[in-house]
N, C-alpha and C. Protein backbone atom coordinates (compact mmCIF):
# COMPACT_ATOMS: atom_id res chain seq x y z
N MET A 1 -132.36 232.66 -80.72
CA MET A 1 -132.26 231.28 -81.17
C MET A 1 -131.58 230.46 -80.07
N THR A 2 -132.13 229.30 -79.81
CA THR A 2 -131.54 228.40 -78.82
C THR A 2 -130.55 227.46 -79.51
N LEU A 3 -129.76 226.75 -78.71
CA LEU A 3 -128.85 225.76 -79.28
C LEU A 3 -129.61 224.64 -79.96
N ALA A 4 -130.75 224.24 -79.41
CA ALA A 4 -131.57 223.20 -80.03
C ALA A 4 -132.08 223.67 -81.40
N GLU A 5 -132.51 224.92 -81.47
CA GLU A 5 -132.98 225.47 -82.75
C GLU A 5 -131.83 225.56 -83.75
N LEU A 6 -130.65 225.93 -83.28
CA LEU A 6 -129.48 225.99 -84.17
C LEU A 6 -129.15 224.59 -84.68
N ASN A 7 -129.19 223.60 -83.82
CA ASN A 7 -128.95 222.21 -84.21
C ASN A 7 -129.92 221.79 -85.31
N THR A 8 -131.20 222.07 -85.11
CA THR A 8 -132.22 221.72 -86.11
C THR A 8 -131.96 222.46 -87.42
N ALA A 9 -131.61 223.74 -87.33
CA ALA A 9 -131.36 224.52 -88.54
C ALA A 9 -130.16 223.98 -89.31
N LEU A 10 -129.07 223.67 -88.60
CA LEU A 10 -127.88 223.14 -89.26
C LEU A 10 -128.18 221.79 -89.93
N LYS A 11 -128.97 220.95 -89.26
CA LYS A 11 -129.32 219.65 -89.84
C LYS A 11 -130.24 219.78 -91.06
N SER A 12 -130.87 220.95 -91.21
CA SER A 12 -131.75 221.16 -92.37
C SER A 12 -130.96 221.52 -93.63
N ILE A 13 -129.67 221.78 -93.50
CA ILE A 13 -128.84 222.10 -94.67
C ILE A 13 -128.72 220.83 -95.52
N THR A 14 -128.94 220.97 -96.80
CA THR A 14 -128.89 219.85 -97.73
C THR A 14 -127.59 219.07 -97.57
N GLY A 15 -127.74 217.76 -97.32
CA GLY A 15 -126.59 216.87 -97.19
C GLY A 15 -126.02 216.76 -95.78
N PHE A 16 -126.55 217.53 -94.82
CA PHE A 16 -125.99 217.52 -93.48
C PHE A 16 -126.96 217.00 -92.41
N ASP A 17 -128.06 216.38 -92.80
CA ASP A 17 -129.05 215.94 -91.82
C ASP A 17 -128.48 214.99 -90.78
N LYS A 18 -127.48 214.19 -91.13
CA LYS A 18 -126.86 213.27 -90.17
C LYS A 18 -125.39 213.57 -89.97
N LYS A 19 -125.01 214.81 -90.29
CA LYS A 19 -123.59 215.20 -90.22
C LYS A 19 -123.38 216.44 -89.38
N VAL A 20 -124.19 216.58 -88.33
CA VAL A 20 -124.08 217.71 -87.41
C VAL A 20 -124.04 217.16 -86.00
N VAL A 21 -123.11 217.67 -85.18
CA VAL A 21 -123.01 217.22 -83.80
C VAL A 21 -122.58 218.39 -82.91
N TYR A 22 -122.99 218.32 -81.65
CA TYR A 22 -122.53 219.29 -80.67
C TYR A 22 -121.21 218.80 -80.09
N ARG A 23 -120.22 219.62 -80.08
CA ARG A 23 -118.87 219.46 -79.52
C ARG A 23 -117.99 218.46 -80.25
N SER A 24 -118.35 217.16 -80.29
CA SER A 24 -117.49 216.18 -80.96
C SER A 24 -118.25 214.88 -81.23
N TRP A 25 -117.73 214.15 -82.19
CA TRP A 25 -118.28 212.83 -82.50
C TRP A 25 -117.67 211.82 -81.55
N PRO A 26 -118.41 210.80 -81.16
CA PRO A 26 -117.79 209.72 -80.38
C PRO A 26 -116.66 209.10 -81.20
N VAL A 27 -115.65 208.60 -80.52
CA VAL A 27 -114.48 208.01 -81.19
C VAL A 27 -114.94 206.94 -82.18
N GLY A 28 -114.47 207.08 -83.41
CA GLY A 28 -114.78 206.11 -84.46
C GLY A 28 -116.14 206.28 -85.11
N GLU A 29 -116.92 207.30 -84.73
CA GLU A 29 -118.26 207.46 -85.28
C GLU A 29 -118.43 208.70 -86.17
N ALA A 30 -117.37 209.41 -86.42
CA ALA A 30 -117.48 210.59 -87.28
C ALA A 30 -117.83 210.15 -88.70
N PRO A 31 -118.77 210.86 -89.34
CA PRO A 31 -119.12 210.51 -90.72
C PRO A 31 -118.02 210.97 -91.68
N ALA A 32 -118.16 210.59 -92.92
CA ALA A 32 -117.22 211.05 -93.93
C ALA A 32 -117.33 212.57 -94.07
N LEU A 33 -116.22 213.21 -94.41
CA LEU A 33 -116.23 214.66 -94.65
C LEU A 33 -117.07 214.97 -95.86
N PRO A 34 -117.73 216.12 -95.90
CA PRO A 34 -117.73 217.19 -94.90
C PRO A 34 -118.74 216.92 -93.78
N PHE A 35 -118.47 217.52 -92.61
CA PHE A 35 -119.42 217.50 -91.51
C PHE A 35 -119.30 218.78 -90.70
N ILE A 36 -120.27 218.99 -89.80
CA ILE A 36 -120.34 220.21 -89.00
C ILE A 36 -120.31 219.86 -87.51
N VAL A 37 -119.51 220.59 -86.77
CA VAL A 37 -119.47 220.51 -85.32
C VAL A 37 -119.77 221.91 -84.80
N PHE A 38 -120.64 222.03 -83.79
CA PHE A 38 -120.87 223.35 -83.21
C PHE A 38 -120.78 223.26 -81.70
N MET A 39 -120.42 224.38 -81.08
CA MET A 39 -120.28 224.40 -79.61
C MET A 39 -120.24 225.83 -79.11
N VAL A 40 -120.61 225.99 -77.85
CA VAL A 40 -120.49 227.28 -77.20
C VAL A 40 -119.01 227.48 -76.86
N ASP A 41 -118.45 228.57 -77.33
CA ASP A 41 -117.05 228.88 -77.09
C ASP A 41 -116.88 229.68 -75.80
N GLU A 42 -117.77 230.65 -75.60
CA GLU A 42 -117.74 231.49 -74.41
C GLU A 42 -119.02 232.30 -74.36
N SER A 43 -119.22 233.02 -73.26
CA SER A 43 -120.38 233.89 -73.18
C SER A 43 -119.94 235.34 -73.34
N ASP A 44 -120.85 236.16 -73.76
CA ASP A 44 -120.63 237.60 -73.92
C ASP A 44 -121.88 238.29 -73.37
N ASN A 45 -122.17 238.02 -72.09
CA ASN A 45 -123.41 238.46 -71.48
C ASN A 45 -123.49 239.97 -71.34
N PHE A 46 -124.72 240.46 -71.31
CA PHE A 46 -125.00 241.87 -71.07
C PHE A 46 -125.46 242.00 -69.62
N GLY A 47 -124.78 242.84 -68.86
CA GLY A 47 -125.11 242.99 -67.46
C GLY A 47 -125.76 244.33 -67.16
N ALA A 48 -126.60 244.33 -66.14
CA ALA A 48 -127.22 245.55 -65.64
C ALA A 48 -127.58 245.32 -64.17
N ASP A 49 -127.34 246.33 -63.35
CA ASP A 49 -127.67 246.25 -61.92
C ASP A 49 -127.03 245.03 -61.26
N ASP A 50 -125.78 244.75 -61.62
CA ASP A 50 -125.00 243.66 -61.05
C ASP A 50 -125.59 242.27 -61.27
N ILE A 51 -126.36 242.11 -62.34
CA ILE A 51 -126.88 240.80 -62.72
C ILE A 51 -126.72 240.61 -64.22
N VAL A 52 -126.85 239.37 -64.65
CA VAL A 52 -126.87 239.10 -66.10
C VAL A 52 -128.26 239.48 -66.59
N TYR A 53 -128.30 240.57 -67.34
CA TYR A 53 -129.58 241.05 -67.87
C TYR A 53 -129.99 240.22 -69.08
N LYS A 54 -129.01 239.90 -69.92
CA LYS A 54 -129.27 239.07 -71.10
C LYS A 54 -128.07 238.15 -71.30
N ALA A 55 -128.31 236.83 -71.28
CA ALA A 55 -127.26 235.85 -71.52
C ALA A 55 -127.05 235.70 -73.02
N ILE A 56 -125.81 235.82 -73.43
CA ILE A 56 -125.47 235.69 -74.85
C ILE A 56 -124.34 234.68 -74.98
N ASN A 57 -124.57 233.63 -75.75
CA ASN A 57 -123.54 232.62 -75.99
C ASN A 57 -122.86 232.89 -77.32
N ARG A 58 -121.54 232.85 -77.31
CA ARG A 58 -120.77 232.91 -78.55
C ARG A 58 -120.57 231.47 -78.99
N VAL A 59 -121.06 231.15 -80.18
CA VAL A 59 -121.06 229.78 -80.69
C VAL A 59 -120.15 229.68 -81.91
N ASN A 60 -119.33 228.64 -81.94
CA ASN A 60 -118.53 228.33 -83.12
C ASN A 60 -119.23 227.22 -83.90
N ILE A 61 -119.39 227.45 -85.18
CA ILE A 61 -119.89 226.44 -86.11
C ILE A 61 -118.70 226.07 -86.98
N GLU A 62 -118.27 224.83 -86.90
CA GLU A 62 -117.06 224.41 -87.60
C GLU A 62 -117.41 223.45 -88.73
N LEU A 63 -117.02 223.82 -89.92
CA LEU A 63 -117.20 222.98 -91.11
C LEU A 63 -115.86 222.32 -91.41
N TYR A 64 -115.84 221.00 -91.44
CA TYR A 64 -114.64 220.25 -91.79
C TYR A 64 -114.85 219.62 -93.16
N SER A 65 -113.85 219.80 -94.05
CA SER A 65 -113.96 219.24 -95.39
C SER A 65 -112.58 218.85 -95.91
N LYS A 66 -112.56 217.85 -96.78
CA LYS A 66 -111.30 217.35 -97.35
C LYS A 66 -110.66 218.41 -98.24
N ASN A 67 -111.48 219.04 -99.08
CA ASN A 67 -111.01 220.09 -99.98
C ASN A 67 -111.76 221.37 -99.66
N LYS A 68 -111.31 222.47 -100.19
CA LYS A 68 -112.03 223.74 -100.03
C LYS A 68 -113.43 223.54 -100.58
N ASP A 69 -114.45 223.73 -99.73
CA ASP A 69 -115.83 223.39 -100.08
C ASP A 69 -116.70 224.65 -100.08
N THR A 70 -116.60 225.42 -101.15
CA THR A 70 -117.34 226.68 -101.21
C THR A 70 -118.85 226.45 -101.28
N THR A 71 -119.27 225.29 -101.76
CA THR A 71 -120.70 224.99 -101.81
C THR A 71 -121.27 224.87 -100.41
N SER A 72 -120.62 224.06 -99.55
CA SER A 72 -121.09 223.91 -98.17
C SER A 72 -120.97 225.24 -97.41
N GLU A 73 -119.90 225.98 -97.65
CA GLU A 73 -119.75 227.28 -97.01
C GLU A 73 -120.92 228.19 -97.39
N GLY A 74 -121.27 228.20 -98.65
CA GLY A 74 -122.38 229.02 -99.12
C GLY A 74 -123.70 228.60 -98.49
N LEU A 75 -123.91 227.30 -98.31
CA LEU A 75 -125.14 226.82 -97.69
C LEU A 75 -125.23 227.27 -96.22
N ILE A 76 -124.11 227.17 -95.51
CA ILE A 76 -124.09 227.62 -94.11
C ILE A 76 -124.32 229.13 -94.03
N GLU A 77 -123.65 229.88 -94.88
CA GLU A 77 -123.80 231.34 -94.87
C GLU A 77 -125.22 231.75 -95.22
N SER A 78 -125.83 231.08 -96.17
CA SER A 78 -127.22 231.38 -96.54
C SER A 78 -128.16 231.10 -95.37
N LEU A 79 -127.93 229.99 -94.66
CA LEU A 79 -128.74 229.66 -93.50
C LEU A 79 -128.61 230.74 -92.43
N LEU A 80 -127.39 231.12 -92.11
CA LEU A 80 -127.17 232.14 -91.08
C LEU A 80 -127.83 233.46 -91.46
N GLU A 81 -127.70 233.85 -92.72
CA GLU A 81 -128.33 235.08 -93.18
C GLU A 81 -129.85 234.97 -93.13
N SER A 82 -130.41 233.80 -93.45
CA SER A 82 -131.86 233.63 -93.42
C SER A 82 -132.41 233.73 -92.00
N LYS A 83 -131.55 233.44 -91.01
CA LYS A 83 -131.94 233.53 -89.59
C LYS A 83 -131.54 234.88 -88.99
N SER A 84 -131.08 235.79 -89.84
CA SER A 84 -130.63 237.13 -89.42
C SER A 84 -129.54 237.06 -88.35
N LEU A 85 -128.61 236.13 -88.53
CA LEU A 85 -127.50 235.98 -87.60
C LEU A 85 -126.23 236.57 -88.20
N TYR A 86 -125.63 237.50 -87.48
CA TYR A 86 -124.35 238.08 -87.90
C TYR A 86 -123.27 237.04 -87.64
N TRP A 87 -122.34 236.88 -88.57
CA TRP A 87 -121.30 235.88 -88.42
C TRP A 87 -119.94 236.43 -88.84
N GLU A 88 -118.91 235.87 -88.26
CA GLU A 88 -117.52 236.09 -88.66
C GLU A 88 -116.97 234.74 -89.09
N LYS A 89 -115.98 234.74 -89.97
CA LYS A 89 -115.49 233.49 -90.56
C LYS A 89 -113.97 233.44 -90.47
N ASN A 90 -113.46 232.25 -90.17
CA ASN A 90 -112.02 232.02 -90.10
C ASN A 90 -111.73 230.68 -90.77
N GLU A 91 -110.62 230.59 -91.48
CA GLU A 91 -110.28 229.36 -92.19
C GLU A 91 -108.88 228.91 -91.83
N THR A 92 -108.71 227.60 -91.67
CA THR A 92 -107.39 227.03 -91.43
C THR A 92 -107.32 225.64 -92.07
N TYR A 93 -106.11 225.17 -92.28
CA TYR A 93 -105.91 223.81 -92.76
C TYR A 93 -105.25 223.03 -91.63
N ILE A 94 -105.81 221.87 -91.30
CA ILE A 94 -105.29 221.03 -90.22
C ILE A 94 -104.41 219.95 -90.86
N ASP A 95 -103.10 220.12 -90.77
CA ASP A 95 -102.17 219.18 -91.41
C ASP A 95 -102.34 217.75 -90.90
N ASP A 96 -102.45 217.58 -89.58
CA ASP A 96 -102.56 216.23 -89.01
C ASP A 96 -103.78 215.47 -89.51
N GLU A 97 -104.87 216.20 -89.76
CA GLU A 97 -106.12 215.58 -90.20
C GLU A 97 -106.30 215.66 -91.72
N GLN A 98 -105.45 216.43 -92.37
CA GLN A 98 -105.53 216.68 -93.81
C GLN A 98 -106.92 217.13 -94.23
N CYS A 99 -107.38 218.19 -93.55
CA CYS A 99 -108.68 218.74 -93.90
C CYS A 99 -108.73 220.23 -93.59
N TYR A 100 -109.69 220.88 -94.21
CA TYR A 100 -109.93 222.30 -93.96
C TYR A 100 -110.91 222.43 -92.80
N GLU A 101 -110.72 223.48 -92.03
CA GLU A 101 -111.66 223.83 -90.96
C GLU A 101 -112.08 225.28 -91.18
N ILE A 102 -113.36 225.46 -91.41
CA ILE A 102 -113.93 226.80 -91.54
C ILE A 102 -114.74 227.04 -90.28
N ILE A 103 -114.44 228.11 -89.55
CA ILE A 103 -115.13 228.40 -88.30
C ILE A 103 -115.97 229.65 -88.47
N TYR A 104 -117.28 229.50 -88.25
CA TYR A 104 -118.20 230.63 -88.23
C TYR A 104 -118.49 230.94 -86.77
N THR A 105 -118.34 232.17 -86.36
CA THR A 105 -118.65 232.57 -85.00
C THR A 105 -119.92 233.43 -85.01
N ILE A 106 -120.89 233.02 -84.19
CA ILE A 106 -122.15 233.75 -84.10
C ILE A 106 -122.48 233.95 -82.61
N GLU A 107 -123.48 234.76 -82.33
CA GLU A 107 -123.96 234.92 -80.96
C GLU A 107 -125.43 234.59 -80.92
N VAL A 108 -125.80 233.76 -79.92
CA VAL A 108 -127.21 233.40 -79.73
C VAL A 108 -127.58 233.57 -78.28
């Protein structure tokens, strides 16, 4: 899956067609919560014969919501499973922003 395909897939989630962005929203243009931000965090390439045999990007998909949003989490998890993508999940509360951040880590 490419980043463009991931972007399209995330925007296909019910209610998120205009609430998905790569890396960050321009200042003052973030939509109301919940929304999704995704970005390449690092690479985890497979090497052979001193070259990158297969490039693998580790991508974070971040769901931001005012309250714990198990519905949106379920929609994201269902999408990832439908694309046969293995994911790990981490949750935190951002005091300064007064919102939850759920981070899904996948490799593409």
